[in-house]
Amino acid sequence: MRNTHLRVGFIGAGANTRLRHLPGLKAIDGVELSVVANRTVESGKRVATEFGVKRLAAHWREVVEDPAVDAVCIGTWPDLHAEITIAALAAGKHVLVEARMARNVAEARLMLAAAAARPDLVAQIVPSPFTLNADAKIQALVARGRIGDLREIVVEHATSVYVDSATPLTWRQDKQISGVNTMALGICYEPLLRWFEGDGEVVAADARVYTTRRLGPNGDNHEIEIPESVTVLGRWTGGARLVMHQTSVEVGANRCLFRLVGSRATLVFDAQNQTLRMIDSSGGSEEIEILNRPQQGWNVEAEFAASITKRAPVTLTDFSTGLRYMRFTEEVWEAWS
């Protein structure tokens, strides 16, 4: 890589890559959008034209093996994350890989081992975005003892995306593609790793698939194995109770709430509305100001580029953290299945 000039190749240009990574990296001085490989050559051409990517590749291996590429942005579905990441690191490329990290813990471990074998390269996962505005404030309040001793962590995430049984299959419901990743379970667990020391331990879990078959992209009748609703009971390091409820079949407005219950106060972060409240022992509620940063604190592409060109450490999110949320996600799967 030449000084501050960073040549990035893109493998997979799905919704988040087009929304965030392509424009985000293009906006950084010294970053070149070198090459793109998408699921079809035609879709790759459209992406190249829209974002000014210099070249088009017919297969992801062409991007990984291209000597004119310094870093690879992997925006494919999870079933290819491990294979492409390992190949890219072995070829000497820095890697930014879309969440979810992998399909399962075994793949995540292989990815972490590949990154550990190349400590000279940056290996970063796209972080959970829900709490980016509030992370610093929550970390500070917890560290200063404002909520007292942690007693309970309660996380709720609800959408209506699969209420209708006629809704076609998506990749998130295809176990061959998504593995043990279940709705937003890992994405909601990751912020807890930023706020608290330790990890969650799964005690019990119950899950349900309400529509057992959906139409696939080819008109096939596809069996649904990934739950549409799951409830987790667990414990956090130190003894606090952990309760997580995820559903994609709840009629009504989307909901994403984090309640941190302490001996002195309760913190409630509403990720949907980006508000943070402190409830004290008298029941009084105080609105806590958080940073209303542009794009809800999203700075992923700039952080990735800085980690490469300025040797800045990866904080959101390294492969070790990714393995931790994958481990929790798989433990939940094993508990209910």
C-alpha atoms as a PDB file:
ATOM      1  CA  MET A   1       0.000   0.000   0.000  1.00  0.00           C
ATOM      2  CA  ARG A   2       1.336   3.423  -0.987  1.00  0.00           C
ATOM      3  CA  ASN A   3       1.494   5.858   1.946  1.00  0.00           C
ATOM      4  CA  THR A   4      -2.053   7.135   2.516  1.00  0.00           C
ATOM      5  CA  HIS A   5      -3.444   5.843  -0.800  1.00  0.00           C
ATOM      6  CA  LEU A   6      -5.831   2.977  -0.060  1.00  0.00           C
ATOM      7  CA  ARG A   7      -7.189   0.829  -2.873  1.00  0.00           C
ATOM      8  CA  VAL A   8     -10.364  -1.006  -1.869  1.00  0.00           C
ATOM      9  CA  GLY A   9     -12.057  -3.914  -3.611  1.00  0.00           C
ATOM     10  CA  PHE A  10     -15.688  -4.788  -2.970  1.00  0.00           C
ATOM     11  CA  ILE A  11     -17.090  -8.303  -2.844  1.00  0.00           C
ATOM     12  CA  GLY A  12     -20.872  -8.199  -2.700  1.00  0.00           C
ATOM     13  CA  ALA A  13     -22.723  -4.921  -3.025  1.00  0.00           C
ATOM     14  CA  GLY A  14     -25.936  -5.462  -1.111  1.00  0.00           C
ATOM     15  CA  ALA A  15     -28.117  -2.844   0.523  1.00  0.00           C
ATOM     16  CA  ASN A  16     -25.777  -1.866   3.354  1.00  0.00           C
ATOM     17  CA  THR A  17     -22.716  -1.765   1.101  1.00  0.00           C
ATOM     18  CA  ARG A  18     -24.499   0.584  -1.287  1.00  0.00           C
ATOM     19  CA  LEU A  19     -25.971   2.663   1.528  1.00  0.00           C
ATOM     20  CA  ARG A  20     -22.896   2.898   3.753  1.00  0.00           C
ATOM     21  CA  HIS A  21     -19.616   1.370   2.612  1.00  0.00           C
ATOM     22  CA  LEU A  22     -19.357   2.486  -0.999  1.00  0.00           C
ATOM     23  CA  PRO A  23     -20.298   6.146  -0.397  1.00  0.00           C
ATOM     24  CA  GLY A  24     -18.497   6.205   2.954  1.00  0.00           C
ATOM     25  CA  LEU A  25     -15.182   5.034   1.555  1.00  0.00           C
ATOM     26  CA  LYS A  26     -15.555   7.118  -1.598  1.00  0.00           C
ATOM     27  CA  ALA A  27     -15.836  10.264   0.561  1.00  0.00           C
ATOM     28  CA  ILE A  28     -12.429   9.675   2.218  1.00  0.00           C
ATOM     29  CA  ASP A  29      -9.423  11.440   0.714  1.00  0.00           C
ATOM     30  CA  GLY A  30      -6.860   9.001  -0.600  1.00  0.00           C
ATOM     31  CA  VAL A  31      -9.287   6.066  -0.923  1.00  0.00           C
ATOM     32  CA  GLU A  32      -9.784   4.529  -4.366  1.00  0.00           C
ATOM     33  CA  LEU A  33     -12.729   2.275  -5.201  1.00  0.00           C
ATOM     34  CA  SER A  34     -10.717  -0.175  -7.285  1.00  0.00           C
ATOM     35  CA  VAL A  35     -12.867  -3.143  -8.239  1.00  0.00           C
ATOM     36  CA  VAL A  36     -16.222  -4.756  -7.496  1.00  0.00           C
ATOM     37  CA  ALA A  37     -17.554  -8.305  -7.806  1.00  0.00           C
ATOM     38  CA  ASN A  38     -21.265  -8.820  -7.248  1.00  0.00           C
ATOM     39  CA  ARG A  39     -23.581 -11.807  -7.593  1.00  0.00           C
ATOM     40  CA  THR A  40     -24.017 -11.083 -11.313  1.00  0.00           C
ATOM     41  CA  VAL A  41     -21.870  -9.168 -13.775  1.00  0.00           C
ATOM     42  CA  GLU A  42     -24.874  -7.020 -14.667  1.00  0.00           C
ATOM     43  CA  SER A  43     -25.488  -5.913 -11.064  1.00  0.00           C
ATOM     44  CA  GLY A  44     -21.762  -5.324 -10.639  1.00  0.00           C
ATOM     45  CA  LYS A  45     -21.786  -3.025 -13.681  1.00  0.00           C
ATOM     46  CA  ARG A  46     -24.615  -0.990 -12.194  1.00  0.00           C
ATOM     47  CA  VAL A  47     -22.717  -0.573  -8.933  1.00  0.00           C
ATOM     48  CA  ALA A  48     -19.506   0.377 -10.730  1.00  0.00           C
ATOM     49  CA  THR A  49     -21.318   2.996 -12.768  1.00  0.00           C
ATOM     50  CA  GLU A  50     -23.216   4.466  -9.809  1.00  0.00           C
ATOM     51  CA  PHE A  51     -20.213   4.787  -7.485  1.00  0.00           C
ATOM     52  CA  GLY A  52     -17.357   5.225  -9.921  1.00  0.00           C
ATOM     53  CA  VAL A  53     -15.636   1.909  -9.193  1.00  0.00           C
ATOM     54  CA  LYS A  54     -12.756   1.589 -11.648  1.00  0.00           C
ATOM     55  CA  ARG A  55     -12.980  -2.082 -12.603  1.00  0.00           C
ATOM     56  CA  LEU A  56     -15.380  -5.009 -12.637  1.00  0.00           C
ATOM     57  CA  ALA A  57     -14.566  -8.581 -11.576  1.00  0.00           C
ATOM     58  CA  ALA A  58     -16.536 -11.673 -12.546  1.00  0.00           C
ATOM     59  CA  HIS A  59     -15.715 -13.604  -9.334  1.00  0.00           C
ATOM     60  CA  TRP A  60     -14.729 -12.700  -5.796  1.00  0.00           C
ATOM     61  CA  ARG A  61     -11.408 -14.534  -6.108  1.00  0.00           C
ATOM     62  CA  GLU A  62     -10.325 -12.020  -8.739  1.00  0.00           C
ATOM     63  CA  VAL A  63     -10.678  -9.270  -6.142  1.00  0.00           C
ATOM     64  CA  VAL A  64      -8.809 -11.195  -3.446  1.00  0.00           C
ATOM     65  CA  GLU A  65      -5.953 -12.074  -5.802  1.00  0.00           C
ATOM     66  CA  ASP A  66      -5.690  -8.617  -7.402  1.00  0.00           C
ATOM     67  CA  PRO A  67      -2.249  -7.090  -6.588  1.00  0.00           C
ATOM     68  CA  ALA A  68      -3.756  -3.628  -7.137  1.00  0.00           C
ATOM     69  CA  VAL A  69      -6.068  -4.075  -4.118  1.00  0.00           C
ATOM     70  CA  ASP A  70      -4.952  -3.236  -0.566  1.00  0.00           C
ATOM     71  CA  ALA A  71      -8.188  -3.896   1.325  1.00  0.00           C
ATOM     72  CA  VAL A  72     -11.396  -5.839   0.752  1.00  0.00           C
ATOM     73  CA  CYS A  73     -14.902  -4.891   1.840  1.00  0.00           C
ATOM     74  CA  ILE A  74     -17.005  -8.057   2.105  1.00  0.00           C
ATOM     75  CA  GLY A  75     -20.709  -7.325   1.746  1.00  0.00           C
ATOM     76  CA  THR A  76     -21.960 -10.818   0.940  1.00  0.00           C
ATOM     77  CA  TRP A  77     -24.378 -12.917   2.949  1.00  0.00           C
ATOM     78  CA  PRO A  78     -22.892 -14.753   5.975  1.00  0.00           C
ATOM     79  CA  ASP A  79     -22.380 -18.064   4.162  1.00  0.00           C
ATOM     80  CA  LEU A  80     -19.356 -16.624   2.326  1.00  0.00           C
ATOM     81  CA  HIS A  81     -17.870 -14.494   5.099  1.00  0.00           C
ATOM     82  CA  ALA A  82     -15.435 -17.089   6.433  1.00  0.00           C
ATOM     83  CA  GLU A  83     -14.198 -18.363   3.075  1.00  0.00           C
ATOM     84  CA  ILE A  84     -13.611 -14.913   1.592  1.00  0.00           C
ATOM     85  CA  THR A  85     -12.141 -13.425   4.778  1.00  0.00           C
ATOM     86  CA  ILE A  86      -9.621 -16.238   5.193  1.00  0.00           C
ATOM     87  CA  ALA A  87      -8.616 -16.034   1.519  1.00  0.00           C
ATOM     88  CA  ALA A  88      -8.288 -12.243   1.643  1.00  0.00           C
ATOM     89  CA  LEU A  89      -6.089 -12.254   4.745  1.00  0.00           C
ATOM     90  CA  ALA A  90      -3.921 -15.006   3.278  1.00  0.00           C
ATOM     91  CA  ALA A  91      -3.495 -12.818   0.180  1.00  0.00           C
ATOM     92  CA  GLY A  92      -2.317  -9.902   2.312  1.00  0.00           C
ATOM     93  CA  LYS A  93      -5.498  -7.814   2.175  1.00  0.00           C
ATOM     94  CA  HIS A  94      -7.010  -5.828   5.025  1.00  0.00           C
ATOM     95  CA  VAL A  95     -10.617  -6.907   5.622  1.00  0.00           C
ATOM     96  CA  LEU A  96     -13.868  -5.174   6.520  1.00  0.00           C
ATOM     97  CA  VAL A  97     -16.581  -7.837   6.742  1.00  0.00           C
ATOM     98  CA  GLU A  98     -20.279  -7.220   7.092  1.00  0.00           C
ATOM     99  CA  ALA A  99     -22.105  -8.389  10.196  1.00  0.00           C
ATOM    100  CA  ARG A 100     -23.066 -11.050  10.984  1.00  0.00           C
ATOM    101  CA  MET A 101     -19.531 -12.361  11.415  1.00  0.00           C
ATOM    102  CA  ALA A 102     -20.147 -15.929  10.223  1.00  0.00           C
ATOM    103  CA  ARG A 103     -22.742 -18.691  10.217  1.00  0.00           C
ATOM    104  CA  ASN A 104     -21.506 -20.355  13.393  1.00  0.00           C
ATOM    105  CA  VAL A 105     -18.762 -20.465  15.990  1.00  0.00           C
ATOM    106  CA  ALA A 106     -16.590 -22.899  14.011  1.00  0.00           C
ATOM    107  CA  GLU A 107     -16.377 -20.470  11.087  1.00  0.00           C
ATOM    108  CA  ALA A 108     -15.810 -17.507  13.407  1.00  0.00           C
ATOM    109  CA  ARG A 109     -12.880 -19.309  15.049  1.00  0.00           C
ATOM    110  CA  LEU A 110     -11.295 -19.966  11.665  1.00  0.00           C
ATOM    111  CA  MET A 111     -11.644 -16.274  10.818  1.00  0.00           C
ATOM    112  CA  LEU A 112     -10.072 -15.221  14.108  1.00  0.00           C
ATOM    113  CA  ALA A 113      -7.185 -17.653  13.583  1.00  0.00           C
ATOM    114  CA  ALA A 114      -6.604 -16.258  10.083  1.00  0.00           C
ATOM    115  CA  ALA A 115      -6.528 -12.717  11.480  1.00  0.00           C
ATOM    116  CA  ALA A 116      -4.170 -13.730  14.283  1.00  0.00           C
ATOM    117  CA  ALA A 117      -1.801 -15.211  11.687  1.00  0.00           C
ATOM    118  CA  ARG A 118      -1.597 -11.799   9.995  1.00  0.00           C
ATOM    119  CA  PRO A 119      -1.284  -9.226  12.822  1.00  0.00           C
ATOM    120  CA  ASP A 120       0.048  -6.734  10.262  1.00  0.00           C
ATOM    121  CA  LEU A 121      -3.400  -6.584   8.643  1.00  0.00           C
ATOM    122  CA  VAL A 122      -6.598  -4.923   9.831  1.00  0.00           C
ATOM    123  CA  ALA A 123      -9.520  -7.309  10.356  1.00  0.00           C
ATOM    124  CA  GLN A 124     -12.735  -5.525  11.248  1.00  0.00           C
ATOM    125  CA  ILE A 125     -16.420  -6.442  11.416  1.00  0.00           C
ATOM    126  CA  VAL A 126     -19.167  -3.915  10.736  1.00  0.00           C
ATOM    127  CA  PRO A 127     -20.432  -3.081  14.241  1.00  0.00           C
ATOM    128  CA  SER A 128     -23.924  -3.258  15.663  1.00  0.00           C
ATOM    129  CA  PRO A 129     -25.306   0.207  14.879  1.00  0.00           C
ATOM    130  CA  PHE A 130     -28.224   0.494  17.294  1.00  0.00           C
ATOM    131  CA  THR A 131     -26.385   2.108  20.201  1.00  0.00           C
ATOM    132  CA  LEU A 132     -23.524   4.034  18.581  1.00  0.00           C
ATOM    133  CA  ASN A 133     -24.936   7.397  19.663  1.00  0.00           C
ATOM    134  CA  ALA A 134     -25.347   6.312  23.266  1.00  0.00           C
ATOM    135  CA  ASP A 135     -22.392   3.976  23.889  1.00  0.00           C
ATOM    136  CA  ALA A 136     -20.026   6.572  25.366  1.00  0.00           C
ATOM    137  CA  LYS A 137     -22.678   7.965  27.719  1.00  0.00           C
ATOM    138  CA  ILE A 138     -23.843   4.545  28.897  1.00  0.00           C
ATOM    139  CA  GLN A 139     -20.258   3.390  29.458  1.00  0.00           C
ATOM    140  CA  ALA A 140     -19.532   6.503  31.527  1.00  0.00           C
ATOM    141  CA  LEU A 141     -22.684   6.220  33.646  1.00  0.00           C
ATOM    142  CA  VAL A 142     -22.033   2.554  34.379  1.00  0.00           C
ATOM    143  CA  ALA A 143     -18.337   3.166  35.158  1.00  0.00           C
ATOM    144  CA  ARG A 144     -19.193   5.990  37.573  1.00  0.00           C
ATOM    145  CA  GLY A 145     -21.588   3.746  39.461  1.00  0.00           C
ATOM    146  CA  ARG A 146     -24.660   5.819  38.641  1.00  0.00           C
ATOM    147  CA  ILE A 147     -26.903   2.761  38.426  1.00  0.00           C
ATOM    148  CA  GLY A 148     -25.222   0.975  41.352  1.00  0.00           C
ATOM    149  CA  ASP A 149     -24.703  -2.774  41.267  1.00  0.00           C
ATOM    150  CA  LEU A 150     -25.970  -4.343  38.054  1.00  0.00           C
ATOM    151  CA  ARG A 151     -28.956  -6.605  38.757  1.00  0.00           C
ATOM    152  CA  GLU A 152     -30.707  -7.179  35.452  1.00  0.00           C
ATOM    153  CA  ILE A 153     -30.153  -6.629  31.738  1.00  0.00           C
ATOM    154  CA  VAL A 154     -33.368  -6.728  29.708  1.00  0.00           C
ATOM    155  CA  VAL A 155     -33.305  -6.377  25.914  1.00  0.00           C
ATOM    156  CA  GLU A 156     -36.349  -6.356  23.650  1.00  0.00           C
ATOM    157  CA  HIS A 157     -36.353  -6.243  19.857  1.00  0.00           C
ATOM    158  CA  ALA A 158     -39.628  -6.510  17.969  1.00  0.00           C
ATOM    159  CA  THR A 159     -40.649  -6.104  14.332  1.00  0.00           C
ATOM    160  CA  SER A 160     -43.595  -7.201  12.192  1.00  0.00           C
ATOM    161  CA  VAL A 161     -41.514  -8.236   9.196  1.00  0.00           C
ATOM    162  CA  TYR A 162     -42.738 -11.868   9.165  1.00  0.00           C
ATOM    163  CA  VAL A 163     -46.282 -11.432  10.487  1.00  0.00           C
ATOM    164  CA  ASP A 164     -47.729 -12.235   7.067  1.00  0.00           C
ATOM    165  CA  SER A 165     -47.279 -15.916   6.225  1.00  0.00           C
ATOM    166  CA  ALA A 166     -47.290 -14.964   2.532  1.00  0.00           C
ATOM    167  CA  THR A 167     -44.092 -12.921   2.902  1.00  0.00           C
ATOM    168  CA  PRO A 168     -41.432 -14.669   0.784  1.00  0.00           C
ATOM    169  CA  LEU A 169     -38.286 -16.223   2.213  1.00  0.00           C
ATOM    170  CA  THR A 170     -35.371 -13.884   2.870  1.00  0.00           C
ATOM    171  CA  TRP A 171     -31.709 -14.786   3.366  1.00  0.00           C
ATOM    172  CA  ARG A 172     -32.092 -14.079   7.088  1.00  0.00           C
ATOM    173  CA  GLN A 173     -34.493 -17.040   7.338  1.00  0.00           C
ATOM    174  CA  ASP A 174     -32.380 -19.410   5.260  1.00  0.00           C
ATOM    175  CA  LYS A 175     -30.256 -21.518   7.612  1.00  0.00           C
ATOM    176  CA  GLN A 176     -27.881 -22.497   4.815  1.00  0.00           C
ATOM    177  CA  ILE A 177     -27.036 -18.805   4.409  1.00  0.00           C
ATOM    178  CA  SER A 178     -27.446 -17.431   7.950  1.00  0.00           C
ATOM    179  CA  GLY A 179     -26.539 -20.421  10.094  1.00  0.00           C
ATOM    180  CA  VAL A 180     -27.421 -19.951  13.758  1.00  0.00           C
ATOM    181  CA  ASN A 181     -27.872 -16.177  13.471  1.00  0.00           C
ATOM    182  CA  THR A 182     -31.386 -15.435  14.683  1.00  0.00           C
ATOM    183  CA  MET A 183     -33.074 -12.135  13.853  1.00  0.00           C
ATOM    184  CA  ALA A 184     -31.147  -9.319  15.620  1.00  0.00           C
ATOM    185  CA  LEU A 185     -29.959 -11.429  18.552  1.00  0.00           C
ATOM    186  CA  GLY A 186     -26.220 -10.967  17.986  1.00  0.00           C
ATOM    187  CA  ILE A 187     -26.666  -7.332  17.004  1.00  0.00           C
ATOM    188  CA  CYS A 188     -28.490  -6.656  20.284  1.00  0.00           C
ATOM    189  CA  TYR A 189     -25.945  -8.644  22.313  1.00  0.00           C
ATOM    190  CA  GLU A 190     -22.858  -6.876  20.962  1.00  0.00           C
ATOM    191  CA  PRO A 191     -23.543  -3.492  22.691  1.00  0.00           C
ATOM    192  CA  LEU A 192     -23.601  -5.258  26.054  1.00  0.00           C
ATOM    193  CA  LEU A 193     -19.973  -6.232  25.454  1.00  0.00           C
ATOM    194  CA  ARG A 194     -19.155  -2.525  25.073  1.00  0.00           C
ATOM    195  CA  TRP A 195     -20.875  -1.497  28.301  1.00  0.00           C
ATOM    196  CA  PHE A 196     -19.921  -4.279  30.724  1.00  0.00           C
ATOM    197  CA  GLU A 197     -17.004  -6.521  31.553  1.00  0.00           C
ATOM    198  CA  GLY A 198     -17.630 -10.209  31.017  1.00  0.00           C
ATOM    199  CA  ASP A 199     -20.124 -12.166  28.935  1.00  0.00           C
ATOM    200  CA  GLY A 200     -23.577 -13.642  29.073  1.00  0.00           C
ATOM    201  CA  GLU A 201     -24.249 -17.260  29.956  1.00  0.00           C
ATOM    202  CA  VAL A 202     -27.370 -18.915  28.549  1.00  0.00           C
ATOM    203  CA  VAL A 203     -29.505 -20.672  31.166  1.00  0.00           C
ATOM    204  CA  ALA A 204     -32.556 -21.447  29.026  1.00  0.00           C
ATOM    205  CA  ALA A 205     -34.150 -20.435  25.740  1.00  0.00           C
ATOM    206  CA  ASP A 206     -37.448 -21.026  23.997  1.00  0.00           C
ATOM    207  CA  ALA A 207     -38.179 -20.301  20.342  1.00  0.00           C
ATOM    208  CA  ARG A 208     -40.934 -20.667  17.774  1.00  0.00           C
ATOM    209  CA  VAL A 209     -41.411 -20.718  14.012  1.00  0.00           C
ATOM    210  CA  TYR A 210     -45.002 -19.735  13.202  1.00  0.00           C
ATOM    211  CA  THR A 211     -44.848 -20.001   9.410  1.00  0.00           C
ATOM    212  CA  THR A 212     -42.989 -23.241   8.827  1.00  0.00           C
ATOM    213  CA  ARG A 213     -42.678 -22.916   5.045  1.00  0.00           C
ATOM    214  CA  ARG A 214     -42.263 -19.881   2.772  1.00  0.00           C
ATOM    215  CA  LEU A 215     -41.794 -19.391  -0.942  1.00  0.00           C
ATOM    216  CA  GLY A 216     -38.144 -19.107  -1.944  1.00  0.00           C
ATOM    217  CA  PRO A 217     -36.681 -16.955  -4.725  1.00  0.00           C
ATOM    218  CA  ASN A 218     -37.120 -19.751  -7.260  1.00  0.00           C
ATOM    219  CA  GLY A 219     -40.714 -20.438  -6.281  1.00  0.00           C
ATOM    220  CA  ASP A 220     -39.741 -23.437  -4.155  1.00  0.00           C
ATOM    221  CA  ASN A 221     -41.493 -24.222  -0.880  1.00  0.00           C
ATOM    222  CA  HIS A 222     -38.727 -23.637   1.648  1.00  0.00           C
ATOM    223  CA  GLU A 223     -38.696 -25.002   5.202  1.00  0.00           C
ATOM    224  CA  ILE A 224     -38.075 -22.327   7.838  1.00  0.00           C
ATOM    225  CA  GLU A 225     -35.681 -23.401  10.582  1.00  0.00           C
ATOM    226  CA  ILE A 226     -34.606 -20.035  11.997  1.00  0.00           C
ATOM    227  CA  PRO A 227     -36.999 -18.854  14.731  1.00  0.00           C
ATOM    228  CA  GLU A 228     -39.414 -15.989  14.261  1.00  0.00           C
ATOM    229  CA  SER A 229     -39.535 -15.473  18.032  1.00  0.00           C
ATOM    230  CA  VAL A 230     -37.058 -16.362  20.775  1.00  0.00           C
ATOM    231  CA  THR A 231     -36.763 -15.635  24.489  1.00  0.00           C
ATOM    232  CA  VAL A 232     -33.488 -16.097  26.351  1.00  0.00           C
ATOM    233  CA  LEU A 233     -32.902 -16.363  30.097  1.00  0.00           C
ATOM    234  CA  GLY A 234     -29.320 -16.053  31.216  1.00  0.00           C
ATOM    235  CA  ARG A 235     -26.803 -14.556  33.601  1.00  0.00           C
ATOM    236  CA  TRP A 236     -24.118 -11.967  33.090  1.00  0.00           C
ATOM    237  CA  THR A 237     -20.644 -12.303  34.576  1.00  0.00           C
ATOM    238  CA  GLY A 238     -21.012 -11.294  38.234  1.00  0.00           C
ATOM    239  CA  GLY A 239     -24.524 -12.674  38.600  1.00  0.00           C
ATOM    240  CA  ALA A 240     -26.877 -10.154  36.977  1.00  0.00           C
ATOM    241  CA  ARG A 241     -29.902 -11.680  35.241  1.00  0.00           C
ATOM    242  CA  LEU A 242     -30.009 -11.449  31.447  1.00  0.00           C
ATOM    243  CA  VAL A 243     -33.346 -11.483  29.611  1.00  0.00           C
ATOM    244  CA  MET A 244     -33.522 -11.097  25.831  1.00  0.00           C
ATOM    245  CA  HIS A 245     -36.674 -11.274  23.741  1.00  0.00           C
ATOM    246  CA  GLN A 246     -36.617 -11.160  19.939  1.00  0.00           C
ATOM    247  CA  THR A 247     -39.645 -11.367  17.690  1.00  0.00           C
ATOM    248  CA  SER A 248     -40.324 -10.686  14.027  1.00  0.00           C
ATOM    249  CA  VAL A 249     -44.066 -11.434  14.244  1.00  0.00           C
ATOM    250  CA  GLU A 250     -45.362  -8.668  16.513  1.00  0.00           C
ATOM    251  CA  VAL A 251     -47.998  -6.454  14.931  1.00  0.00           C
ATOM    252  CA  GLY A 252     -47.301  -2.768  15.532  1.00  0.00           C
ATOM    253  CA  ALA A 253     -44.401  -0.359  15.512  1.00  0.00           C
ATOM    254  CA  ASN A 254     -40.836  -1.658  15.686  1.00  0.00           C
ATOM    255  CA  ARG A 255     -39.322  -1.680  19.166  1.00  0.00           C
ATOM    256  CA  CYS A 256     -35.728  -1.929  20.414  1.00  0.00           C
ATOM    257  CA  LEU A 257     -35.216  -1.317  24.124  1.00  0.00           C
ATOM    258  CA  PHE A 258     -32.274  -1.875  26.474  1.00  0.00           C
ATOM    259  CA  ARG A 259     -33.038  -1.743  30.232  1.00  0.00           C
ATOM    260  CA  LEU A 260     -30.072  -1.819  32.590  1.00  0.00           C
ATOM    261  CA  VAL A 261     -31.397  -2.382  36.081  1.00  0.00           C
ATOM    262  CA  GLY A 262     -29.122  -1.448  38.966  1.00  0.00           C
ATOM    263  CA  SER A 263     -29.396  -1.189  42.744  1.00  0.00           C
ATOM    264  CA  ARG A 264     -29.591   2.611  42.559  1.00  0.00           C
ATOM    265  CA  ALA A 265     -31.225   3.362  39.214  1.00  0.00           C
ATOM    266  CA  THR A 266     -32.377   1.957  35.884  1.00  0.00           C
ATOM    267  CA  LEU A 267     -31.086   3.122  32.520  1.00  0.00           C
ATOM    268  CA  VAL A 268     -33.471   2.748  29.573  1.00  0.00           C
ATOM    269  CA  PHE A 269     -32.153   3.208  26.063  1.00  0.00           C
ATOM    270  CA  ASP A 270     -34.772   3.342  23.318  1.00  0.00           C
ATOM    271  CA  ALA A 271     -32.775   2.569  20.182  1.00  0.00           C
ATOM    272  CA  GLN A 272     -35.753   3.118  17.919  1.00  0.00           C
ATOM    273  CA  ASN A 273     -36.149   6.729  19.077  1.00  0.00           C
ATOM    274  CA  GLN A 274     -32.536   7.275  20.206  1.00  0.00           C
ATOM    275  CA  THR A 275     -33.430   8.395  23.739  1.00  0.00           C
ATOM    276  CA  LEU A 276     -31.776   7.571  27.055  1.00  0.00           C
ATOM    277  CA  ARG A 277     -33.555   7.874  30.422  1.00  0.00           C
ATOM    278  CA  MET A 278     -32.407   7.384  34.010  1.00  0.00           C
ATOM    279  CA  ILE A 279     -35.072   6.235  36.479  1.00  0.00           C
ATOM    280  CA  ASP A 280     -34.069   6.682  40.134  1.00  0.00           C
ATOM    281  CA  SER A 281     -35.244   4.890  43.274  1.00  0.00           C
ATOM    282  CA  SER A 282     -38.101   7.372  43.793  1.00  0.00           C
ATOM    283  CA  GLY A 283     -39.474   6.643  40.329  1.00  0.00           C
ATOM    284  CA  GLY A 284     -38.362   9.962  38.916  1.00  0.00           C
ATOM    285  CA  SER A 285     -37.241   9.937  35.281  1.00  0.00           C
ATOM    286  CA  GLU A 286     -34.456  12.084  33.849  1.00  0.00           C
ATOM    287  CA  GLU A 287     -33.684  12.440  30.164  1.00  0.00           C
ATOM    288  CA  ILE A 288     -29.952  11.925  29.582  1.00  0.00           C
ATOM    289  CA  GLU A 289     -28.392  13.842  26.706  1.00  0.00           C
ATOM    290  CA  ILE A 290     -26.544  11.695  24.202  1.00  0.00           C
ATOM    291  CA  LEU A 291     -24.445  12.619  21.187  1.00  0.00           C
ATOM    292  CA  ASN A 292     -26.726  13.130  18.220  1.00  0.00           C
ATOM    293  CA  ARG A 293     -23.973  12.532  15.714  1.00  0.00           C
ATOM    294  CA  PRO A 294     -24.575  12.427  11.959  1.00  0.00           C
ATOM    295  CA  GLN A 295     -25.974   9.108  10.736  1.00  0.00           C
ATOM    296  CA  GLN A 296     -26.490   8.009  14.355  1.00  0.00           C
ATOM    297  CA  GLY A 297     -22.807   7.788  15.124  1.00  0.00           C
ATOM    298  CA  TRP A 298     -21.894   5.745  12.043  1.00  0.00           C
ATOM    299  CA  ASN A 299     -18.188   6.173  11.300  1.00  0.00           C
ATOM    300  CA  VAL A 300     -17.291   2.649  10.192  1.00  0.00           C
ATOM    301  CA  GLU A 301     -15.587   3.394   6.893  1.00  0.00           C
ATOM    302  CA  ALA A 302     -13.440   6.225   8.288  1.00  0.00           C
ATOM    303  CA  GLU A 303     -12.396   4.039  11.231  1.00  0.00           C
ATOM    304  CA  PHE A 304     -11.469   1.179   8.884  1.00  0.00           C
ATOM    305  CA  ALA A 305      -9.356   3.458   6.697  1.00  0.00           C
ATOM    306  CA  ALA A 306      -7.690   5.046   9.748  1.00  0.00           C
ATOM    307  CA  SER A 307      -6.843   1.636  11.194  1.00  0.00           C
ATOM    308  CA  ILE A 308      -4.953   0.880   7.985  1.00  0.00           C
ATOM    309  CA  THR A 309      -3.311   4.192   7.123  1.00  0.00           C
ATOM    310  CA  LYS A 310      -2.743   5.535  10.648  1.00  0.00           C
ATOM    311  CA  ARG A 311      -2.357   2.256  12.552  1.00  0.00           C
ATOM    312  CA  ALA A 312      -5.308   3.174  14.786  1.00  0.00           C
ATOM    313  CA  PRO A 313      -6.594   0.196  16.817  1.00  0.00           C
ATOM    314  CA  VAL A 314      -9.851  -1.463  15.807  1.00  0.00           C
ATOM    315  CA  THR A 315     -12.439  -0.814  18.495  1.00  0.00           C
ATOM    316  CA  LEU A 316     -15.686  -1.473  16.610  1.00  0.00           C
ATOM    317  CA  THR A 317     -15.635  -4.392  15.963  1.00  0.00           C
ATOM    318  CA  ASP A 318     -12.633  -6.745  16.111  1.00  0.00           C
ATOM    319  CA  PHE A 319     -12.777 -10.474  15.401  1.00  0.00           C
ATOM    320  CA  SER A 320     -12.444 -11.414  19.074  1.00  0.00           C
ATOM    321  CA  THR A 321     -15.642  -9.516  19.840  1.00  0.00           C
ATOM    322  CA  GLY A 322     -17.339 -11.080  16.851  1.00  0.00           C
ATOM    323  CA  LEU A 323     -16.486 -14.540  18.147  1.00  0.00           C
ATOM    324  CA  ARG A 324     -18.015 -13.624  21.501  1.00  0.00           C
ATOM    325  CA  TYR A 325     -21.376 -12.668  20.022  1.00  0.00           C
ATOM    326  CA  MET A 326     -21.301 -15.695  17.738  1.00  0.00           C
ATOM    327  CA  ARG A 327     -20.655 -17.926  20.757  1.00  0.00           C
ATOM    328  CA  PHE A 328     -23.662 -16.461  22.578  1.00  0.00           C
ATOM    329  CA  THR A 329     -25.861 -16.781  19.483  1.00  0.00           C
ATOM    330  CA  GLU A 330     -24.929 -20.434  19.043  1.00  0.00           C
ATOM    331  CA  GLU A 331     -25.482 -21.194  22.736  1.00  0.00           C
ATOM    332  CA  VAL A 332     -29.002 -19.775  22.426  1.00  0.00           C
ATOM    333  CA  TRP A 333     -29.627 -21.965  19.378  1.00  0.00           C
ATOM    334  CA  GLU A 334     -28.439 -25.063  21.226  1.00  0.00           C
ATOM    335  CA  ALA A 335     -30.557 -24.204  24.285  1.00  0.00           C
ATOM    336  CA  TRP A 336     -33.878 -24.106  22.422  1.00  0.00           C
ATOM    337  CA  SER A 337     -33.286 -26.647  19.631  1.00  0.00           C
END
